[in-house]
C-alpha cells in the first residue's frame, strides 16, 4: 500500500505532516526524505497527523522517533494527532506513548496549545 505525505505550514514556525496509507519498510525512506527536506532548526513544532494512516511498521516507528528526537534536541514540540486504533496499538505494544503529546482530535490539541500559550502570557512558563 502506498504512502501519501502532505506537509503544511502551521502557525508559530510549525509544520503538520499528514500521512495516509501505509508507513512501512517500503515507504519509510520516502517519509524520512521529506522530513529531512522540510524540518530544520527553524521549525519549532511538528504535528504528525495520522488520521488516515492505516498501517505502521517498525521502520515507520523509527522515522517517527527520529523526528521526535530531532525536535527534542532543538527544544521543539512534537505531537501525534488522530491515531487510529490499530496504529495506537503499535505504540501501546512497545509502550512508546508515555511522555509523548498525543491528541485524539484537532480540538483537543488546540485546547492544549491555547493553555500552553496562556501560561506563557501569564508568566507561568
Protein backbone atom coordinates (compact mmCIF):
# COMPACT_ATOMS: atom_id res chain seq x y z
CA UNK A 1 0.00 0.00 0.00
CA UNK A 2 1.44 3.41 -0.88
CA UNK A 3 2.01 6.31 1.49
CA UNK A 4 0.69 9.81 0.84
CA UNK A 5 2.56 12.59 2.64
CA UNK A 6 1.33 16.16 2.92
CA UNK A 7 3.37 18.77 4.78
CA UNK A 8 1.85 22.16 5.52
CA UNK A 9 2.97 25.17 7.48
CA UNK A 10 1.36 25.74 10.88
CA UNK A 11 1.37 28.93 12.98
CA UNK A 12 4.37 29.71 15.18
CA UNK A 13 7.01 28.09 12.92
CA UNK A 14 5.20 24.76 12.91
CA UNK A 15 4.74 22.02 10.34
CA UNK A 16 1.92 19.50 10.02
CA UNK A 17 2.80 16.16 8.46
CA UNK A 18 -0.35 14.33 7.38
CA UNK A 19 0.05 10.67 6.45
CA UNK A 20 -2.32 8.36 4.58
CA UNK A 21 -1.83 4.72 3.69
CA UNK A 22 0.98 2.54 4.95
CA UNK A 23 4.17 3.64 6.73
CA UNK A 24 6.31 0.55 6.37
CA UNK A 25 9.70 -0.68 5.17
CA UNK A 26 8.91 0.32 1.59
CA UNK A 27 7.66 3.84 2.40
CA UNK A 28 9.67 4.90 5.48
CA UNK A 29 12.55 6.29 3.41
CA UNK A 30 10.07 8.36 1.42
CA UNK A 31 8.84 9.98 4.65
CA UNK A 32 12.36 10.40 6.04
CA UNK A 33 13.48 12.17 2.84
CA UNK A 34 10.54 14.60 3.06
CA UNK A 35 11.19 15.29 6.74
CA UNK A 36 14.89 15.85 6.10
CA UNK A 37 13.95 18.36 3.41
CA UNK A 38 11.19 20.17 5.33
CA UNK A 39 12.15 20.07 9.03
CA UNK A 40 15.14 22.08 10.20
CA UNK A 41 16.12 24.18 13.20
CA UNK A 42 13.70 26.95 12.16
CA UNK A 43 10.75 24.61 12.81
CA UNK A 44 9.59 24.82 16.44
CA UNK A 45 6.66 22.40 16.32
CA UNK A 46 5.87 19.24 14.36
CA UNK A 47 2.35 17.83 14.32
CA UNK A 48 2.18 14.35 12.86
CA UNK A 49 -1.45 13.76 11.85
CA UNK A 50 -2.12 10.03 11.49
CA UNK A 51 -5.85 10.24 10.83
CA UNK A 52 -5.59 8.41 7.50
CA UNK A 53 -2.63 6.17 8.35
CA UNK A 54 -3.81 2.57 8.05
CA UNK A 55 -0.63 0.62 8.86
CA UNK A 56 2.57 1.30 10.80
CA UNK A 57 5.65 -0.94 10.91
CA UNK A 58 8.87 -0.75 12.93
CA UNK A 59 10.53 1.10 10.03
CA UNK A 60 7.83 3.76 10.28
CA UNK A 61 8.27 3.94 14.05
CA UNK A 62 11.97 4.66 13.56
CA UNK A 63 11.16 7.68 11.37
CA UNK A 64 8.64 8.97 13.90
CA UNK A 65 11.03 8.57 16.85
CA UNK A 66 13.92 10.10 14.90
CA UNK A 67 11.75 13.14 14.19
CA UNK A 68 10.73 13.40 17.85
CA UNK A 69 14.36 13.10 18.94
CA UNK A 70 15.35 15.86 16.50
CA UNK A 71 12.63 18.15 17.81
CA UNK A 72 13.58 17.39 21.43
CA UNK A 73 17.22 18.21 20.71
CA UNK A 74 16.17 21.61 19.33
CA UNK A 75 13.74 22.28 22.20
CA UNK A 76 10.81 21.99 19.83
CA UNK A 77 7.43 20.35 20.28
CA UNK A 78 6.44 17.05 18.70
CA UNK A 79 2.80 15.95 18.72
CA UNK A 80 0.89 12.98 17.42
CA UNK A 81 -2.69 13.55 16.34
CA UNK A 82 -5.62 11.32 15.37
CA UNK A 83 -4.09 7.89 15.95
CA UNK A 84 -6.31 5.17 14.53
CA UNK A 85 -6.92 2.20 16.87
CA UNK A 86 -4.61 -0.17 15.00
CA UNK A 87 -1.80 2.44 14.92
CA UNK A 88 -2.29 3.30 18.61
CA UNK A 89 -1.98 -0.43 19.35
CA UNK A 90 1.51 -0.46 17.81
CA UNK A 91 2.56 2.35 20.18
CA UNK A 92 0.87 0.59 23.11
CA UNK A 93 2.69 -2.67 22.41
CA UNK A 94 6.09 -1.01 22.68
CA UNK A 95 4.92 1.32 25.48
CA UNK A 96 6.03 4.34 23.50
CA UNK A 97 3.27 6.84 24.24
CA UNK A 98 4.46 7.76 27.74
CA UNK A 99 5.87 11.25 27.67
CA UNK A 100 4.60 11.97 24.15
CA UNK A 101 1.96 14.54 23.36
CA UNK A 102 -0.87 12.53 21.80
CA UNK A 103 -4.23 14.07 20.97
CA UNK A 104 -7.50 12.43 19.96
CA UNK A 105 -8.63 15.35 17.82
CA UNK A 106 -7.72 18.74 16.43
CA UNK A 107 -9.93 20.37 19.08
CA UNK A 108 -8.12 18.63 21.94
CA UNK A 109 -4.75 19.70 20.52
CA UNK A 110 -5.95 23.29 20.07
CA UNK A 111 -7.12 23.41 23.70
CA UNK A 112 -3.69 22.19 24.85
CA UNK A 113 -1.84 24.71 22.68
CA UNK A 114 -4.07 27.55 23.90
CA UNK A 115 -3.43 26.58 27.52
CA UNK A 116 0.35 26.44 26.94
CA UNK A 117 0.38 29.84 25.26
CA UNK A 118 -1.76 31.35 28.03
CA UNK A 119 0.73 30.03 30.60
CA UNK A 120 3.50 31.94 28.83
CA UNK A 121 1.41 35.08 28.64
CA UNK A 122 0.53 34.77 32.33
CA UNK A 123 4.22 34.33 33.21
CA UNK A 124 3.81 30.75 34.46
CA UNK A 125 6.24 29.18 31.98
